[in-house]
């Protein structure tokens, strides 16, 4: 019944997603959440190791696109800094942002995954879009806005 909230995979960090692992799962493209997935919520810089990880995936031929509920200007600046296309105001948990990103980039659902830190946004949007989903441990969740922190308790309960 709650399958749309269950991630396909749980990982500590995006850095665990190596080209070999992704290819082994039949994946060619990643839709990536930004806040608390690739960077701290209040930071303009990616977390340590993330820029190199993105370069490794790009060099290996993977398609990458940010999909964020954040506002266009803030997410656009981060996307430019890390050299990625983006979809802002994605309206996750609705799958609309995932669909927009896949159309924009020409990705096929079967070979695309959604990677993010929130069950009630990223994972739900990815599942509703029919994508493989990876739930990562959030980077410094204590910096998130109150409305996001409010969801962390129910997320922990559901993940048990």
C-alpha atoms as a PDB file:
ATOM      1  CA  UNK A   1       0.000   0.000   0.000  1.00  0.00           C
ATOM      2  CA  UNK A   2       2.805   2.448   0.847  1.00  0.00           C
ATOM      3  CA  UNK A   3       5.034   1.233  -1.985  1.00  0.00           C
ATOM      4  CA  UNK A   4       5.137   4.717  -3.500  1.00  0.00           C
ATOM      5  CA  UNK A   5       7.035   5.826  -0.372  1.00  0.00           C
ATOM      6  CA  UNK A   6       9.533   2.957  -0.361  1.00  0.00           C
ATOM      7  CA  UNK A   7      12.868   3.730  -2.001  1.00  0.00           C
ATOM      8  CA  UNK A   8      14.319   1.033  -4.215  1.00  0.00           C
ATOM      9  CA  UNK A   9      17.715   1.629  -2.599  1.00  0.00           C
ATOM     10  CA  UNK A  10      19.056   3.390   0.507  1.00  0.00           C
ATOM     11  CA  UNK A  11      22.569   4.810   0.467  1.00  0.00           C
ATOM     12  CA  UNK A  12      24.568   7.018   2.792  1.00  0.00           C
ATOM     13  CA  UNK A  13      25.809   9.366   0.068  1.00  0.00           C
ATOM     14  CA  UNK A  14      25.575   9.970  -3.661  1.00  0.00           C
ATOM     15  CA  UNK A  15      29.274   9.085  -3.773  1.00  0.00           C
ATOM     16  CA  UNK A  16      28.214   5.417  -3.504  1.00  0.00           C
ATOM     17  CA  UNK A  17      26.659   5.640  -6.973  1.00  0.00           C
ATOM     18  CA  UNK A  18      29.592   4.622  -9.116  1.00  0.00           C
ATOM     19  CA  UNK A  19      29.333   4.259 -12.897  1.00  0.00           C
ATOM     20  CA  UNK A  20      29.744   0.498 -12.494  1.00  0.00           C
ATOM     21  CA  UNK A  21      26.953   0.217  -9.948  1.00  0.00           C
ATOM     22  CA  UNK A  22      24.601   2.366 -12.020  1.00  0.00           C
ATOM     23  CA  UNK A  23      25.324   0.462 -15.229  1.00  0.00           C
ATOM     24  CA  UNK A  24      24.770  -2.794 -13.371  1.00  0.00           C
ATOM     25  CA  UNK A  25      21.272  -1.569 -12.572  1.00  0.00           C
ATOM     26  CA  UNK A  26      20.619  -0.575 -16.198  1.00  0.00           C
ATOM     27  CA  UNK A  27      20.719   3.147 -15.419  1.00  0.00           C
ATOM     28  CA  UNK A  28      22.031   5.837 -17.776  1.00  0.00           C
ATOM     29  CA  UNK A  29      20.567   9.024 -16.246  1.00  0.00           C
ATOM     30  CA  UNK A  30      20.087  10.556 -12.814  1.00  0.00           C
ATOM     31  CA  UNK A  31      17.634  13.193 -11.667  1.00  0.00           C
ATOM     32  CA  UNK A  32      19.259  14.741  -8.619  1.00  0.00           C
ATOM     33  CA  UNK A  33      17.797  16.674  -5.735  1.00  0.00           C
ATOM     34  CA  UNK A  34      20.078  19.511  -4.607  1.00  0.00           C
ATOM     35  CA  UNK A  35      19.412  20.524  -0.979  1.00  0.00           C
ATOM     36  CA  UNK A  36      20.708  18.020   1.582  1.00  0.00           C
ATOM     37  CA  UNK A  37      21.508  15.586  -1.248  1.00  0.00           C
ATOM     38  CA  UNK A  38      24.352  17.313  -3.104  1.00  0.00           C
ATOM     39  CA  UNK A  39      24.899  20.214  -0.709  1.00  0.00           C
ATOM     40  CA  UNK A  40      23.988  21.604   2.676  1.00  0.00           C
ATOM     41  CA  UNK A  41      20.662  23.445   2.620  1.00  0.00           C
ATOM     42  CA  UNK A  42      22.114  26.889   3.285  1.00  0.00           C
ATOM     43  CA  UNK A  43      25.265  26.404   1.230  1.00  0.00           C
ATOM     44  CA  UNK A  44      25.964  27.546  -2.297  1.00  0.00           C
ATOM     45  CA  UNK A  45      28.734  24.960  -2.708  1.00  0.00           C
ATOM     46  CA  UNK A  46      28.432  21.224  -3.235  1.00  0.00           C
ATOM     47  CA  UNK A  47      29.413  18.894  -0.408  1.00  0.00           C
ATOM     48  CA  UNK A  48      32.978  17.534  -0.343  1.00  0.00           C
ATOM     49  CA  UNK A  49      33.583  15.063  -3.151  1.00  0.00           C
ATOM     50  CA  UNK A  50      30.353  15.843  -5.025  1.00  0.00           C
ATOM     51  CA  UNK A  51      31.921  17.964  -7.795  1.00  0.00           C
ATOM     52  CA  UNK A  52      34.441  15.205  -8.534  1.00  0.00           C
ATOM     53  CA  UNK A  53      31.678  12.579  -8.431  1.00  0.00           C
ATOM     54  CA  UNK A  54      29.627  14.586 -10.953  1.00  0.00           C
ATOM     55  CA  UNK A  55      32.684  14.874 -13.223  1.00  0.00           C
ATOM     56  CA  UNK A  56      33.253  11.108 -13.012  1.00  0.00           C
ATOM     57  CA  UNK A  57      29.662  10.401 -14.033  1.00  0.00           C
ATOM     58  CA  UNK A  58      29.762  12.951 -16.865  1.00  0.00           C
ATOM     59  CA  UNK A  59      33.001  11.464 -18.203  1.00  0.00           C
ATOM     60  CA  UNK A  60      31.403   8.014 -18.041  1.00  0.00           C
ATOM     61  CA  UNK A  61      28.531   9.286 -20.229  1.00  0.00           C
ATOM     62  CA  UNK A  62      25.740   9.538 -17.667  1.00  0.00           C
ATOM     63  CA  UNK A  63      22.973  12.079 -18.102  1.00  0.00           C
ATOM     64  CA  UNK A  64      22.487  14.333 -15.089  1.00  0.00           C
ATOM     65  CA  UNK A  65      19.804  16.898 -14.259  1.00  0.00           C
ATOM     66  CA  UNK A  66      18.881  18.683 -11.025  1.00  0.00           C
ATOM     67  CA  UNK A  67      15.223  18.441 -10.018  1.00  0.00           C
ATOM     68  CA  UNK A  68      14.432  20.690  -7.070  1.00  0.00           C
ATOM     69  CA  UNK A  69      11.458  22.235  -5.338  1.00  0.00           C
ATOM     70  CA  UNK A  70      13.677  25.257  -4.744  1.00  0.00           C
ATOM     71  CA  UNK A  71      13.142  28.589  -6.440  1.00  0.00           C
ATOM     72  CA  UNK A  72      14.574  29.046  -9.907  1.00  0.00           C
ATOM     73  CA  UNK A  73      17.159  31.713  -9.132  1.00  0.00           C
ATOM     74  CA  UNK A  74      18.730  29.906  -6.164  1.00  0.00           C
ATOM     75  CA  UNK A  75      18.732  26.495  -7.837  1.00  0.00           C
ATOM     76  CA  UNK A  76      19.843  27.995 -11.143  1.00  0.00           C
ATOM     77  CA  UNK A  77      22.899  29.518  -9.485  1.00  0.00           C
ATOM     78  CA  UNK A  78      23.814  26.190  -7.903  1.00  0.00           C
ATOM     79  CA  UNK A  79      23.188  24.351 -11.199  1.00  0.00           C
ATOM     80  CA  UNK A  80      25.499  26.756 -12.997  1.00  0.00           C
ATOM     81  CA  UNK A  81      28.171  26.298 -10.334  1.00  0.00           C
ATOM     82  CA  UNK A  82      28.130  22.491 -10.772  1.00  0.00           C
ATOM     83  CA  UNK A  83      27.493  22.604 -14.520  1.00  0.00           C
ATOM     84  CA  UNK A  84      24.141  20.847 -14.610  1.00  0.00           C
ATOM     85  CA  UNK A  85      20.823  21.524 -16.318  1.00  0.00           C
ATOM     86  CA  UNK A  86      17.947  21.913 -13.888  1.00  0.00           C
ATOM     87  CA  UNK A  87      14.231  21.955 -13.269  1.00  0.00           C
ATOM     88  CA  UNK A  88      13.237  24.204 -10.355  1.00  0.00           C
ATOM     89  CA  UNK A  89       9.856  24.470  -8.643  1.00  0.00           C
ATOM     90  CA  UNK A  90       9.424  20.784  -9.410  1.00  0.00           C
ATOM     91  CA  UNK A  91       6.369  20.425  -7.128  1.00  0.00           C
ATOM     92  CA  UNK A  92       7.628  17.151  -5.640  1.00  0.00           C
ATOM     93  CA  UNK A  93       6.040  14.855  -4.471  1.00  0.00           C
ATOM     94  CA  UNK A  94       4.070  15.219  -7.684  1.00  0.00           C
ATOM     95  CA  UNK A  95       5.920  13.567 -10.574  1.00  0.00           C
ATOM     96  CA  UNK A  96       5.595  16.677 -12.776  1.00  0.00           C
ATOM     97  CA  UNK A  97       9.170  17.897 -12.243  1.00  0.00           C
ATOM     98  CA  UNK A  98      10.565  14.446 -13.039  1.00  0.00           C
ATOM     99  CA  UNK A  99       8.510  14.333 -16.230  1.00  0.00           C
ATOM    100  CA  UNK A 100       9.642  17.848 -17.189  1.00  0.00           C
ATOM    101  CA  UNK A 101      13.284  16.950 -16.642  1.00  0.00           C
ATOM    102  CA  UNK A 102      13.014  13.717 -18.645  1.00  0.00           C
ATOM    103  CA  UNK A 103      11.344  15.542 -21.562  1.00  0.00           C
ATOM    104  CA  UNK A 104      13.877  18.369 -21.413  1.00  0.00           C
ATOM    105  CA  UNK A 105      16.814  15.958 -21.429  1.00  0.00           C
ATOM    106  CA  UNK A 106      15.371  13.220 -23.646  1.00  0.00           C
ATOM    107  CA  UNK A 107      15.693  10.551 -20.934  1.00  0.00           C
ATOM    108  CA  UNK A 108      13.775   7.266 -20.978  1.00  0.00           C
ATOM    109  CA  UNK A 109      11.972   6.249 -17.793  1.00  0.00           C
ATOM    110  CA  UNK A 110      13.474   2.740 -17.826  1.00  0.00           C
ATOM    111  CA  UNK A 111      17.047   4.032 -17.628  1.00  0.00           C
ATOM    112  CA  UNK A 112      16.529   6.976 -15.257  1.00  0.00           C
ATOM    113  CA  UNK A 113      16.656   7.188 -11.463  1.00  0.00           C
ATOM    114  CA  UNK A 114      15.631   9.859  -8.965  1.00  0.00           C
ATOM    115  CA  UNK A 115      18.161  10.501  -6.190  1.00  0.00           C
ATOM    116  CA  UNK A 116      17.188  12.498  -3.112  1.00  0.00           C
ATOM    117  CA  UNK A 117      17.029  12.733   0.667  1.00  0.00           C
ATOM    118  CA  UNK A 118      13.273  12.967   1.329  1.00  0.00           C
ATOM    119  CA  UNK A 119      10.669  10.204   1.244  1.00  0.00           C
ATOM    120  CA  UNK A 120       7.741  12.621   0.998  1.00  0.00           C
ATOM    121  CA  UNK A 121       9.259  14.576  -1.895  1.00  0.00           C
ATOM    122  CA  UNK A 122      12.031  12.929  -3.893  1.00  0.00           C
ATOM    123  CA  UNK A 123      11.199   9.253  -3.463  1.00  0.00           C
ATOM    124  CA  UNK A 124       7.463   9.736  -3.851  1.00  0.00           C
ATOM    125  CA  UNK A 125       7.938  11.854  -7.006  1.00  0.00           C
ATOM    126  CA  UNK A 126      10.348   9.316  -8.489  1.00  0.00           C
ATOM    127  CA  UNK A 127       8.092   6.365  -7.717  1.00  0.00           C
ATOM    128  CA  UNK A 128       5.013   8.128  -9.112  1.00  0.00           C
ATOM    129  CA  UNK A 129       7.027   8.879 -12.276  1.00  0.00           C
ATOM    130  CA  UNK A 130       7.925   5.186 -12.568  1.00  0.00           C
ATOM    131  CA  UNK A 131      11.635   5.677 -11.873  1.00  0.00           C
ATOM    132  CA  UNK A 132      14.183   3.757  -9.861  1.00  0.00           C
ATOM    133  CA  UNK A 133      14.745   5.654  -6.610  1.00  0.00           C
ATOM    134  CA  UNK A 134      17.721   6.141  -4.303  1.00  0.00           C
ATOM    135  CA  UNK A 135      17.222   7.599  -0.831  1.00  0.00           C
ATOM    136  CA  UNK A 136      20.384   9.205   0.537  1.00  0.00           C
ATOM    137  CA  UNK A 137      21.083  10.210   4.103  1.00  0.00           C
ATOM    138  CA  UNK A 138      20.505  13.984   4.300  1.00  0.00           C
ATOM    139  CA  UNK A 139      23.497  16.306   4.544  1.00  0.00           C
ATOM    140  CA  UNK A 140      23.071  18.400   7.714  1.00  0.00           C
ATOM    141  CA  UNK A 141      19.248  18.159   7.994  1.00  0.00           C
ATOM    142  CA  UNK A 142      19.318  20.444  11.042  1.00  0.00           C
ATOM    143  CA  UNK A 143      19.786  23.361   8.625  1.00  0.00           C
ATOM    144  CA  UNK A 144      16.576  22.652   6.730  1.00  0.00           C
ATOM    145  CA  UNK A 145      13.486  24.832   7.075  1.00  0.00           C
ATOM    146  CA  UNK A 146      11.064  23.850   9.834  1.00  0.00           C
ATOM    147  CA  UNK A 147       8.485  22.428   7.401  1.00  0.00           C
ATOM    148  CA  UNK A 148      11.038  19.953   6.050  1.00  0.00           C
ATOM    149  CA  UNK A 149      12.352  18.989   9.509  1.00  0.00           C
ATOM    150  CA  UNK A 150       8.752  18.318  10.533  1.00  0.00           C
ATOM    151  CA  UNK A 151       8.621  15.450   8.020  1.00  0.00           C
ATOM    152  CA  UNK A 152      11.808  13.754   9.255  1.00  0.00           C
ATOM    153  CA  UNK A 153      10.094  12.014  12.205  1.00  0.00           C
ATOM    154  CA  UNK A 154       7.422  10.300  10.095  1.00  0.00           C
ATOM    155  CA  UNK A 155      10.102   9.407   7.529  1.00  0.00           C
ATOM    156  CA  UNK A 156      12.210   7.658  10.199  1.00  0.00           C
ATOM    157  CA  UNK A 157       9.130   5.801  11.438  1.00  0.00           C
ATOM    158  CA  UNK A 158       8.216   4.600   7.928  1.00  0.00           C
ATOM    159  CA  UNK A 159      11.767   3.533   7.159  1.00  0.00           C
ATOM    160  CA  UNK A 160      11.753   1.173  10.150  1.00  0.00           C
END
